[in-house]
Amino acid sequence: YGIPIVSTCEELSFPWEENPEATKNIEAICKKYEVACLGTGVNPGFL
């Protein structure tokens, strides 16, 4: 629906090394629908 996303999913905070296949799929989704997506929280994500 073209809606950008913020998620508290911990594995989404920096997923390239631990979950490369899922990361590739999500990057493709973001590209296809031209949306920004972020995984954050206090930990991981900040502290």
All heavy atoms as atom14 arrays in JSON, in Angstrom:
{
  "sequence": "YGIPIVSTCEELSFPWEENPEATKNIEAICKKYEVACLGTGVNPGFL",
  "atom14_mask": [
    [1, 1, 1, 1, 1, 1, 1, 1, 1, 1, 1, 1, 0, 0],
    [1, 1, 1, 1, 0, 0, 0, 0, 0, 0, 0, 0, 0, 0],
    [1, 1, 1, 1, 1, 1, 1, 1, 0, 0, 0, 0, 0, 0],
    [1, 1, 1, 1, 1, 1, 1, 0, 0, 0, 0, 0, 0, 0],
    [1, 1, 1, 1, 1, 1, 1, 1, 0, 0, 0, 0, 0, 0],
    [1, 1, 1, 1, 1, 1, 1, 0, 0, 0, 0, 0, 0, 0],
    [1, 1, 1, 1, 1, 1, 0, 0, 0, 0, 0, 0, 0, 0],
    [1, 1, 1, 1, 1, 1, 1, 0, 0, 0, 0, 0, 0, 0],
    [1, 1, 1, 1, 1, 1, 0, 0, 0, 0, 0, 0, 0, 0],
    [1, 1, 1, 1, 1, 1, 1, 1, 1, 0, 0, 0, 0, 0],
    [1, 1, 1, 1, 1, 1, 1, 1, 1, 0, 0, 0, 0, 0],
    [1, 1, 1, 1, 1, 1, 1, 1, 0, 0, 0, 0, 0, 0],
    [1, 1, 1, 1, 1, 1, 0, 0, 0, 0, 0, 0, 0, 0],
    [1, 1, 1, 1, 1, 1, 1, 1, 1, 1, 1, 0, 0, 0],
    [1, 1, 1, 1, 1, 1, 1, 0, 0, 0, 0, 0, 0, 0],
    [1, 1, 1, 1, 1, 1, 1, 1, 1, 1, 1, 1, 1, 1],
    [1, 1, 1, 1, 1, 1, 1, 1, 1, 0, 0, 0, 0, 0],
    [1, 1, 1, 1, 1, 1, 1, 1, 1, 0, 0, 0, 0, 0],
    [1, 1, 1, 1, 1, 1, 1, 1, 0, 0, 0, 0, 0, 0],
    [1, 1, 1, 1, 1, 1, 1, 0, 0, 0, 0, 0, 0, 0],
    [1, 1, 1, 1, 1, 1, 1, 1, 1, 0, 0, 0, 0, 0],
    [1, 1, 1, 1, 1, 0, 0, 0, 0, 0, 0, 0, 0, 0],
    [1, 1, 1, 1, 1, 1, 1, 0, 0, 0, 0, 0, 0, 0],
    [1, 1, 1, 1, 1, 1, 1, 1, 1, 0, 0, 0, 0, 0],
    [1, 1, 1, 1, 1, 1, 1, 1, 0, 0, 0, 0, 0, 0],
    [1, 1, 1, 1, 1, 1, 1, 1, 0, 0, 0, 0, 0, 0],
    [1, 1, 1, 1, 1, 1, 1, 1, 1, 0, 0, 0, 0, 0],
    [1, 1, 1, 1, 1, 0, 0, 0, 0, 0, 0, 0, 0, 0],
    [1, 1, 1, 1, 1, 1, 1, 1, 0, 0, 0, 0, 0, 0],
    [1, 1, 1, 1, 1, 1, 0, 0, 0, 0, 0, 0, 0, 0],
    [1, 1, 1, 1, 1, 1, 1, 1, 1, 0, 0, 0, 0, 0],
    [1, 1, 1, 1, 1, 1, 1, 1, 1, 0, 0, 0, 0, 0],
    [1, 1, 1, 1, 1, 1, 1, 1, 1, 1, 1, 1, 0, 0],
    [1, 1, 1, 1, 1, 1, 1, 1, 1, 0, 0, 0, 0, 0],
    [1, 1, 1, 1, 1, 1, 1, 0, 0, 0, 0, 0, 0, 0],
    [1, 1, 1, 1, 1, 0, 0, 0, 0, 0, 0, 0, 0, 0],
    [1, 1, 1, 1, 1, 1, 0, 0, 0, 0, 0, 0, 0, 0],
    [1, 1, 1, 1, 1, 1, 1, 1, 0, 0, 0, 0, 0, 0],
    [1, 1, 1, 1, 0, 0, 0, 0, 0, 0, 0, 0, 0, 0],
    [1, 1, 1, 1, 1, 1, 1, 0, 0, 0, 0, 0, 0, 0],
    [1, 1, 1, 1, 0, 0, 0, 0, 0, 0, 0, 0, 0, 0],
    [1, 1, 1, 1, 1, 1, 1, 0, 0, 0, 0, 0, 0, 0],
    [1, 1, 1, 1, 1, 1, 1, 1, 0, 0, 0, 0, 0, 0],
    [1, 1, 1, 1, 1, 1, 1, 0, 0, 0, 0, 0, 0, 0],
    [1, 1, 1, 1, 0, 0, 0, 0, 0, 0, 0, 0, 0, 0],
    [1, 1, 1, 1, 1, 1, 1, 1, 1, 1, 1, 0, 0, 0],
    [1, 1, 1, 1, 1, 1, 1, 1, 0, 0, 0, 0, 0, 0]
  ],
  "atom14_positions": [
    [[0.82, -1.21, 0.0], [0.0, 0.0, 0.0], [0.86, 1.27, 0.0], [0.33, 2.38, 0.12], [-0.93, 0.01, 1.22], [-1.97, -1.09, 1.19], [-1.8, -2.24, 1.95], [-3.1, -0.99, 0.39], [-2.74, -3.27, 1.93], [-4.05, -2.0, 0.36], [-3.86, -3.14, 1.14], [-4.8, -4.15, 1.1], [0.0, 0.0, 0.0], [0.0, 0.0, 0.0]],
    [[2.19, 1.08, -0.13], [3.08, 2.24, -0.18], [3.28, 2.92, 1.16], [3.56, 4.12, 1.21], [0.0, 0.0, 0.0], [0.0, 0.0, 0.0], [0.0, 0.0, 0.0], [0.0, 0.0, 0.0], [0.0, 0.0, 0.0], [0.0, 0.0, 0.0], [0.0, 0.0, 0.0], [0.0, 0.0, 0.0], [0.0, 0.0, 0.0], [0.0, 0.0, 0.0]],
    [[3.19, 2.14, 2.24], [3.29, 2.71, 3.59], [4.64, 2.34, 4.2], [4.97, 1.15, 4.31], [2.17, 2.18, 4.5], [0.8, 2.51, 3.89], [2.28, 2.76, 5.9], [-0.36, 1.83, 4.59], [0.0, 0.0, 0.0], [0.0, 0.0, 0.0], [0.0, 0.0, 0.0], [0.0, 0.0, 0.0], [0.0, 0.0, 0.0], [0.0, 0.0, 0.0]],
    [[5.47, 3.32, 4.6], [6.74, 3.01, 5.26], [6.52, 2.37, 6.63], [5.46, 2.54, 7.24], [7.43, 4.37, 5.38], [6.35, 5.37, 5.26], [5.27, 4.77, 4.41], [0.0, 0.0, 0.0], [0.0, 0.0, 0.0], [0.0, 0.0, 0.0], [0.0, 0.0, 0.0], [0.0, 0.0, 0.0], [0.0, 0.0, 0.0], [0.0, 0.0, 0.0]],
    [[7.55, 1.66, 7.09], [7.38, 0.78, 8.26], [8.48, 0.98, 9.29], [9.67, 1.06, 8.94], [7.41, -0.7, 7.79], [6.23, -0.99, 6.86], [7.4, -1.65, 8.98], [6.45, -2.21, 5.97], [0.0, 0.0, 0.0], [0.0, 0.0, 0.0], [0.0, 0.0, 0.0], [0.0, 0.0, 0.0], [0.0, 0.0, 0.0], [0.0, 0.0, 0.0]],
    [[8.08, 1.01, 10.55], [9.0, 0.88, 11.67], [8.57, -0.35, 12.45], [7.39, -0.5, 12.8], [8.98, 2.11, 12.6], [9.89, 1.87, 13.82], [9.41, 3.35, 11.87], [0.0, 0.0, 0.0], [0.0, 0.0, 0.0], [0.0, 0.0, 0.0], [0.0, 0.0, 0.0], [0.0, 0.0, 0.0], [0.0, 0.0, 0.0], [0.0, 0.0, 0.0]],
    [[9.51, -1.26, 12.71], [9.19, -2.5, 13.41], [10.12, -2.69, 14.6], [11.28, -2.28, 14.57], [9.31, -3.7, 12.48], [9.17, -4.91, 13.19], [0.0, 0.0, 0.0], [0.0, 0.0, 0.0], [0.0, 0.0, 0.0], [0.0, 0.0, 0.0], [0.0, 0.0, 0.0], [0.0, 0.0, 0.0], [0.0, 0.0, 0.0], [0.0, 0.0, 0.0]],
    [[9.6, -3.34, 15.64], [10.42, -3.67, 16.81], [11.04, -5.06, 16.69], [11.62, -5.56, 17.65], [9.58, -3.61, 18.09], [8.44, -4.49, 17.96], [9.09, -2.19, 18.38], [0.0, 0.0, 0.0], [0.0, 0.0, 0.0], [0.0, 0.0, 0.0], [0.0, 0.0, 0.0], [0.0, 0.0, 0.0], [0.0, 0.0, 0.0], [0.0, 0.0, 0.0]],
    [[10.93, -5.69, 15.51], [11.55, -7.01, 15.3], [13.06, -6.91, 15.49], [13.75, -6.22, 14.74], [11.22, -7.5, 13.89], [12.07, -9.03, 13.44], [0.0, 0.0, 0.0], [0.0, 0.0, 0.0], [0.0, 0.0, 0.0], [0.0, 0.0, 0.0], [0.0, 0.0, 0.0], [0.0, 0.0, 0.0], [0.0, 0.0, 0.0], [0.0, 0.0, 0.0]],
    [[13.57, -7.6, 16.48], [14.99, -7.47, 16.83], [15.92, -7.91, 15.7], [16.95, -7.28, 15.46], [15.3, -8.3, 18.09], [14.66, -7.78, 19.37], [13.33, -8.43, 19.69], [12.66, -8.92, 18.74], [12.94, -8.45, 20.87], [0.0, 0.0, 0.0], [0.0, 0.0, 0.0], [0.0, 0.0, 0.0], [0.0, 0.0, 0.0], [0.0, 0.0, 0.0]],
    [[15.55, -8.98, 15.01], [16.41, -9.48, 13.94], [16.45, -8.56, 12.73], [17.32, -8.71, 11.87], [15.96, -10.89, 13.53], [16.22, -11.94, 14.58], [15.88, -13.35, 14.14], [15.22, -13.51, 13.08], [16.25, -14.29, 14.86], [0.0, 0.0, 0.0], [0.0, 0.0, 0.0], [0.0, 0.0, 0.0], [0.0, 0.0, 0.0], [0.0, 0.0, 0.0]],
    [[15.54, -7.6, 12.67], [15.5, -6.66, 11.55], [16.46, -5.49, 11.76], [16.73, -4.74, 10.82], [14.07, -6.12, 11.37], [13.78, -5.27, 10.13], [13.92, -6.08, 8.85], [12.39, -4.65, 10.22], [0.0, 0.0, 0.0], [0.0, 0.0, 0.0], [0.0, 0.0, 0.0], [0.0, 0.0, 0.0], [0.0, 0.0, 0.0], [0.0, 0.0, 0.0]],
    [[17.02, -5.34, 12.97], [17.84, -4.16, 13.29], [19.11, -4.1, 12.45], [19.56, -3.01, 12.07], [18.18, -4.16, 14.78], [18.96, -5.3, 15.11], [0.0, 0.0, 0.0], [0.0, 0.0, 0.0], [0.0, 0.0, 0.0], [0.0, 0.0, 0.0], [0.0, 0.0, 0.0], [0.0, 0.0, 0.0], [0.0, 0.0, 0.0], [0.0, 0.0, 0.0]],
    [[19.72, -5.25, 12.16], [20.87, -5.34, 11.25], [20.94, -6.79, 10.78], [21.69, -7.6, 11.3], [22.17, -4.94, 11.95], [23.3, -4.68, 10.98], [23.55, -3.4, 10.51], [24.1, -5.72, 10.51], [24.57, -3.15, 9.6], [25.12, -5.48, 9.6], [25.36, -4.19, 9.15], [0.0, 0.0, 0.0], [0.0, 0.0, 0.0], [0.0, 0.0, 0.0]],
    [[20.13, -7.14, 9.76], [19.9, -8.55, 9.44], [20.81, -9.17, 8.39], [20.71, -10.38, 8.14], [18.46, -8.52, 8.92], [18.36, -7.2, 8.22], [19.24, -6.25, 9.03], [0.0, 0.0, 0.0], [0.0, 0.0, 0.0], [0.0, 0.0, 0.0], [0.0, 0.0, 0.0], [0.0, 0.0, 0.0], [0.0, 0.0, 0.0], [0.0, 0.0, 0.0]],
    [[21.69, -8.4, 7.78], [22.41, -8.88, 6.6], [23.28, -10.11, 6.87], [23.37, -10.99, 6.02], [23.26, -7.75, 6.02], [22.44, -6.72, 5.32], [22.1, -6.68, 4.0], [21.8, -5.59, 5.92], [21.3, -5.6, 3.73], [21.11, -4.9, 4.89], [21.77, -5.07, 7.22], [20.38, -3.74, 5.14], [21.04, -3.91, 7.46], [20.36, -3.26, 6.42]],
    [[23.89, -10.19, 8.03], [24.81, -11.3, 8.31], [24.1, -12.55, 8.81], [24.41, -13.66, 8.37], [25.86, -10.87, 9.35], [26.74, -9.71, 8.91], [27.66, -10.08, 7.75], [27.94, -11.28, 7.58], [28.09, -9.17, 7.02], [0.0, 0.0, 0.0], [0.0, 0.0, 0.0], [0.0, 0.0, 0.0], [0.0, 0.0, 0.0], [0.0, 0.0, 0.0]],
    [[23.14, -12.38, 9.71], [22.49, -13.53, 10.35], [21.33, -14.09, 9.53], [21.03, -15.27, 9.62], [21.98, -13.13, 11.75], [23.08, -12.9, 12.77], [23.81, -14.18, 13.1], [23.24, -15.04, 13.8], [24.97, -14.34, 12.65], [0.0, 0.0, 0.0], [0.0, 0.0, 0.0], [0.0, 0.0, 0.0], [0.0, 0.0, 0.0], [0.0, 0.0, 0.0]],
    [[20.68, -13.25, 8.73], [19.52, -13.69, 7.96], [19.57, -13.12, 6.54], [18.72, -12.33, 6.13], [18.22, -13.24, 8.65], [17.95, -14.0, 9.93], [17.49, -15.14, 9.9], [18.22, -13.36, 11.05], [0.0, 0.0, 0.0], [0.0, 0.0, 0.0], [0.0, 0.0, 0.0], [0.0, 0.0, 0.0], [0.0, 0.0, 0.0], [0.0, 0.0, 0.0]],
    [[20.56, -13.54, 5.75], [20.75, -12.94, 4.43], [19.59, -13.17, 3.46], [19.25, -12.28, 2.69], [22.04, -13.6, 3.92], [22.19, -14.84, 4.73], [21.6, -14.53, 6.07], [0.0, 0.0, 0.0], [0.0, 0.0, 0.0], [0.0, 0.0, 0.0], [0.0, 0.0, 0.0], [0.0, 0.0, 0.0], [0.0, 0.0, 0.0], [0.0, 0.0, 0.0]],
    [[18.99, -14.37, 3.49], [17.91, -14.65, 2.54], [16.68, -13.81, 2.83], [16.09, -13.2, 1.93], [17.55, -16.14, 2.58], [16.49, -16.51, 1.55], [16.19, -18.0, 1.52], [16.94, -18.78, 2.15], [15.2, -18.38, 0.87], [0.0, 0.0, 0.0], [0.0, 0.0, 0.0], [0.0, 0.0, 0.0], [0.0, 0.0, 0.0], [0.0, 0.0, 0.0]],
    [[16.27, -13.76, 4.1], [15.11, -12.96, 4.48], [15.38, -11.48, 4.21], [14.49, -10.74, 3.79], [14.76, -13.18, 5.95], [0.0, 0.0, 0.0], [0.0, 0.0, 0.0], [0.0, 0.0, 0.0], [0.0, 0.0, 0.0], [0.0, 0.0, 0.0], [0.0, 0.0, 0.0], [0.0, 0.0, 0.0], [0.0, 0.0, 0.0], [0.0, 0.0, 0.0]],
    [[16.61, -11.06, 4.45], [16.99, -9.67, 4.2], [16.85, -9.34, 2.72], [16.31, -8.29, 2.35], [18.44, -9.42, 4.64], [18.57, -9.75, 6.02], [18.83, -7.96, 4.43], [0.0, 0.0, 0.0], [0.0, 0.0, 0.0], [0.0, 0.0, 0.0], [0.0, 0.0, 0.0], [0.0, 0.0, 0.0], [0.0, 0.0, 0.0], [0.0, 0.0, 0.0]],
    [[17.32, -10.24, 1.87], [17.21, -10.03, 0.42], [15.76, -9.91, 0.0], [15.4, -9.06, -0.84], [17.88, -11.2, -0.31], [17.88, -11.08, -1.82], [18.57, -12.28, -2.46], [18.55, -12.18, -3.99], [19.22, -13.36, -4.6], [0.0, 0.0, 0.0], [0.0, 0.0, 0.0], [0.0, 0.0, 0.0], [0.0, 0.0, 0.0], [0.0, 0.0, 0.0]],
    [[14.9, -10.74, 0.59], [13.48, -10.7, 0.26], [12.85, -9.38, 0.68], [12.06, -8.78, -0.07], [12.75, -11.86, 0.93], [13.17, -13.21, 0.4], [13.73, -13.31, -0.7], [12.93, -14.26, 1.16], [0.0, 0.0, 0.0], [0.0, 0.0, 0.0], [0.0, 0.0, 0.0], [0.0, 0.0, 0.0], [0.0, 0.0, 0.0], [0.0, 0.0, 0.0]],
    [[13.19, -8.91, 1.88], [12.62, -7.66, 2.37], [13.15, -6.47, 1.58], [12.4, -5.52, 1.28], [12.9, -7.5, 3.88], [12.09, -8.55, 4.66], [12.56, -6.09, 4.37], [12.41, -8.62, 6.14], [0.0, 0.0, 0.0], [0.0, 0.0, 0.0], [0.0, 0.0, 0.0], [0.0, 0.0, 0.0], [0.0, 0.0, 0.0], [0.0, 0.0, 0.0]],
    [[14.41, -6.52, 1.21], [14.96, -5.44, 0.38], [14.23, -5.39, -0.97], [13.95, -4.3, -1.49], [16.46, -5.67, 0.15], [17.3, -5.36, 1.38], [18.79, -5.58, 1.14], [19.14, -6.58, 0.51], [19.58, -4.74, 1.6], [0.0, 0.0, 0.0], [0.0, 0.0, 0.0], [0.0, 0.0, 0.0], [0.0, 0.0, 0.0], [0.0, 0.0, 0.0]],
    [[13.9, -6.55, -1.5], [13.16, -6.6, -2.77], [11.76, -6.03, -2.62], [11.26, -5.33, -3.51], [13.1, -8.04, -3.28], [0.0, 0.0, 0.0], [0.0, 0.0, 0.0], [0.0, 0.0, 0.0], [0.0, 0.0, 0.0], [0.0, 0.0, 0.0], [0.0, 0.0, 0.0], [0.0, 0.0, 0.0], [0.0, 0.0, 0.0], [0.0, 0.0, 0.0]],
    [[11.13, -6.32, -1.49], [9.8, -5.78, -1.21], [9.86, -4.25, -1.12], [9.03, -3.55, -1.71], [9.24, -6.37, 0.1], [8.93, -7.86, -0.08], [7.99, -5.61, 0.55], [8.63, -8.59, 1.22], [0.0, 0.0, 0.0], [0.0, 0.0, 0.0], [0.0, 0.0, 0.0], [0.0, 0.0, 0.0], [0.0, 0.0, 0.0], [0.0, 0.0, 0.0]],
    [[10.85, -3.73, -0.4], [11.0, -2.29, -0.26], [11.22, -1.62, -1.61], [10.67, -0.55, -1.9], [12.16, -1.96, 0.67], [11.88, -2.4, 2.4], [0.0, 0.0, 0.0], [0.0, 0.0, 0.0], [0.0, 0.0, 0.0], [0.0, 0.0, 0.0], [0.0, 0.0, 0.0], [0.0, 0.0, 0.0], [0.0, 0.0, 0.0], [0.0, 0.0, 0.0]],
    [[12.02, -2.26, -2.45], [12.31, -1.72, -3.78], [11.06, -1.76, -4.67], [10.74, -0.78, -5.37], [13.45, -2.51, -4.42], [13.86, -2.0, -5.79], [15.05, -2.79, -6.34], [15.46, -2.27, -7.72], [16.61, -3.04, -8.27], [0.0, 0.0, 0.0], [0.0, 0.0, 0.0], [0.0, 0.0, 0.0], [0.0, 0.0, 0.0], [0.0, 0.0, 0.0]],
    [[10.36, -2.87, -4.62], [9.18, -3.05, -5.46], [8.12, -2.0, -5.17], [7.52, -1.42, -6.09], [8.61, -4.45, -5.26], [7.35, -4.74, -6.07], [6.87, -6.16, -5.83], [5.6, -6.45, -6.62], [5.12, -7.85, -6.39], [0.0, 0.0, 0.0], [0.0, 0.0, 0.0], [0.0, 0.0, 0.0], [0.0, 0.0, 0.0], [0.0, 0.0, 0.0]],
    [[7.88, -1.75, -3.87], [6.8, -0.84, -3.49], [7.29, 0.55, -3.1], [6.5, 1.4, -2.71], [5.98, -1.47, -2.35], [5.32, -2.76, -2.72], [5.78, -3.98, -2.2], [4.25, -2.79, -3.61], [5.17, -5.18, -2.54], [3.65, -3.99, -3.97], [4.11, -5.18, -3.42], [3.5, -6.37, -3.77], [0.0, 0.0, 0.0], [0.0, 0.0, 0.0]],
    [[8.6, 0.75, -3.22], [9.22, 2.05, -2.95], [8.87, 2.58, -1.55], [8.38, 3.69, -1.39], [8.83, 3.07, -4.02], [9.31, 2.68, -5.41], [9.04, 3.75, -6.44], [8.09, 4.52, -6.26], [9.8, 3.81, -7.44], [0.0, 0.0, 0.0], [0.0, 0.0, 0.0], [0.0, 0.0, 0.0], [0.0, 0.0, 0.0], [0.0, 0.0, 0.0]],
    [[9.14, 1.74, -0.54], [8.9, 2.14, 0.85], [10.19, 2.0, 1.65], [11.08, 1.21, 1.32], [7.79, 1.31, 1.51], [6.47, 1.47, 0.77], [8.18, -0.16, 1.61], [0.0, 0.0, 0.0], [0.0, 0.0, 0.0], [0.0, 0.0, 0.0], [0.0, 0.0, 0.0], [0.0, 0.0, 0.0], [0.0, 0.0, 0.0], [0.0, 0.0, 0.0]],
    [[10.28, 2.76, 2.73], [11.38, 2.65, 3.66], [10.96, 1.76, 4.83], [9.79, 1.78, 5.24], [11.79, 4.03, 4.18], [0.0, 0.0, 0.0], [0.0, 0.0, 0.0], [0.0, 0.0, 0.0], [0.0, 0.0, 0.0], [0.0, 0.0, 0.0], [0.0, 0.0, 0.0], [0.0, 0.0, 0.0], [0.0, 0.0, 0.0], [0.0, 0.0, 0.0]],
    [[11.9, 0.97, 5.34], [11.59, 0.03, 6.42], [12.75, 0.05, 7.42], [13.92, 0.06, 7.04], [11.39, -1.37, 5.84], [11.04, -2.64, 7.07], [0.0, 0.0, 0.0], [0.0, 0.0, 0.0], [0.0, 0.0, 0.0], [0.0, 0.0, 0.0], [0.0, 0.0, 0.0], [0.0, 0.0, 0.0], [0.0, 0.0, 0.0], [0.0, 0.0, 0.0]],
    [[12.42, 0.03, 8.7], [13.43, 0.12, 9.77], [13.08, -0.82, 10.91], [11.93, -0.91, 11.33], [13.49, 1.55, 10.31], [14.33, 1.78, 11.57], [15.82, 1.7, 11.25], [13.98, 3.12, 12.21], [0.0, 0.0, 0.0], [0.0, 0.0, 0.0], [0.0, 0.0, 0.0], [0.0, 0.0, 0.0], [0.0, 0.0, 0.0], [0.0, 0.0, 0.0]],
    [[14.1, -1.52, 11.41], [13.96, -2.28, 12.64], [14.69, -1.55, 13.75], [15.87, -1.21, 13.61], [0.0, 0.0, 0.0], [0.0, 0.0, 0.0], [0.0, 0.0, 0.0], [0.0, 0.0, 0.0], [0.0, 0.0, 0.0], [0.0, 0.0, 0.0], [0.0, 0.0, 0.0], [0.0, 0.0, 0.0], [0.0, 0.0, 0.0], [0.0, 0.0, 0.0]],
    [[14.01, -1.28, 14.86], [14.65, -0.55, 15.94], [14.09, -0.96, 17.29], [13.21, -1.81, 17.4], [14.51, 0.98, 15.73], [15.38, 1.65, 16.64], [13.08, 1.45, 15.96], [0.0, 0.0, 0.0], [0.0, 0.0, 0.0], [0.0, 0.0, 0.0], [0.0, 0.0, 0.0], [0.0, 0.0, 0.0], [0.0, 0.0, 0.0], [0.0, 0.0, 0.0]],
    [[14.59, -0.33, 18.33], [14.2, -0.61, 19.7], [15.31, -0.09, 20.59], [16.28, 0.51, 20.12], [0.0, 0.0, 0.0], [0.0, 0.0, 0.0], [0.0, 0.0, 0.0], [0.0, 0.0, 0.0], [0.0, 0.0, 0.0], [0.0, 0.0, 0.0], [0.0, 0.0, 0.0], [0.0, 0.0, 0.0], [0.0, 0.0, 0.0], [0.0, 0.0, 0.0]],
    [[15.18, -0.35, 21.87], [16.25, 0.11, 22.76], [17.48, -0.79, 22.65], [18.62, -0.34, 22.74], [15.77, 0.21, 24.22], [15.52, -1.17, 24.82], [16.77, 0.97, 25.07], [0.0, 0.0, 0.0], [0.0, 0.0, 0.0], [0.0, 0.0, 0.0], [0.0, 0.0, 0.0], [0.0, 0.0, 0.0], [0.0, 0.0, 0.0], [0.0, 0.0, 0.0]],
    [[17.24, -2.1, 22.42], [18.35, -3.04, 22.36], [17.86, -4.36, 21.75], [17.15, -5.1, 22.42], [18.91, -3.31, 23.75], [20.12, -4.21, 23.73], [20.95, -4.13, 22.84], [20.22, -5.09, 24.71], [0.0, 0.0, 0.0], [0.0, 0.0, 0.0], [0.0, 0.0, 0.0], [0.0, 0.0, 0.0], [0.0, 0.0, 0.0], [0.0, 0.0, 0.0]],
    [[18.21, -4.64, 20.49], [19.07, -3.85, 19.61], [18.35, -2.6, 19.1], [17.14, -2.49, 19.22], [19.36, -4.82, 18.47], [18.16, -5.71, 18.43], [17.74, -5.89, 19.86], [0.0, 0.0, 0.0], [0.0, 0.0, 0.0], [0.0, 0.0, 0.0], [0.0, 0.0, 0.0], [0.0, 0.0, 0.0], [0.0, 0.0, 0.0], [0.0, 0.0, 0.0]],
    [[19.14, -1.7, 18.53], [18.59, -0.5, 17.95], [19.14, 0.78, 18.54], [19.14, 1.82, 17.89], [0.0, 0.0, 0.0], [0.0, 0.0, 0.0], [0.0, 0.0, 0.0], [0.0, 0.0, 0.0], [0.0, 0.0, 0.0], [0.0, 0.0, 0.0], [0.0, 0.0, 0.0], [0.0, 0.0, 0.0], [0.0, 0.0, 0.0], [0.0, 0.0, 0.0]],
    [[19.65, 0.72, 19.79], [20.18, 1.95, 20.37], [21.34, 1.7, 21.33], [22.48, 2.06, 21.03], [19.07, 2.73, 21.09], [19.54, 4.06, 21.61], [19.68, 5.13, 20.75], [19.87, 4.23, 22.94], [20.15, 6.37, 21.21], [20.32, 5.45, 23.42], [20.47, 6.52, 22.56], [0.0, 0.0, 0.0], [0.0, 0.0, 0.0], [0.0, 0.0, 0.0]],
    [[21.09, 1.1, 22.48], [22.06, 1.13, 23.57], [23.37, 0.39, 23.28], [24.44, 0.87, 23.66], [21.44, 0.56, 24.86], [20.49, 1.5, 25.59], [19.79, 0.76, 26.71], [21.23, 2.71, 26.14], [0.0, 0.0, 0.0], [0.0, 0.0, 0.0], [0.0, 0.0, 0.0], [0.0, 0.0, 0.0], [0.0, 0.0, 0.0], [0.0, 0.0, 0.0]]
  ]
}
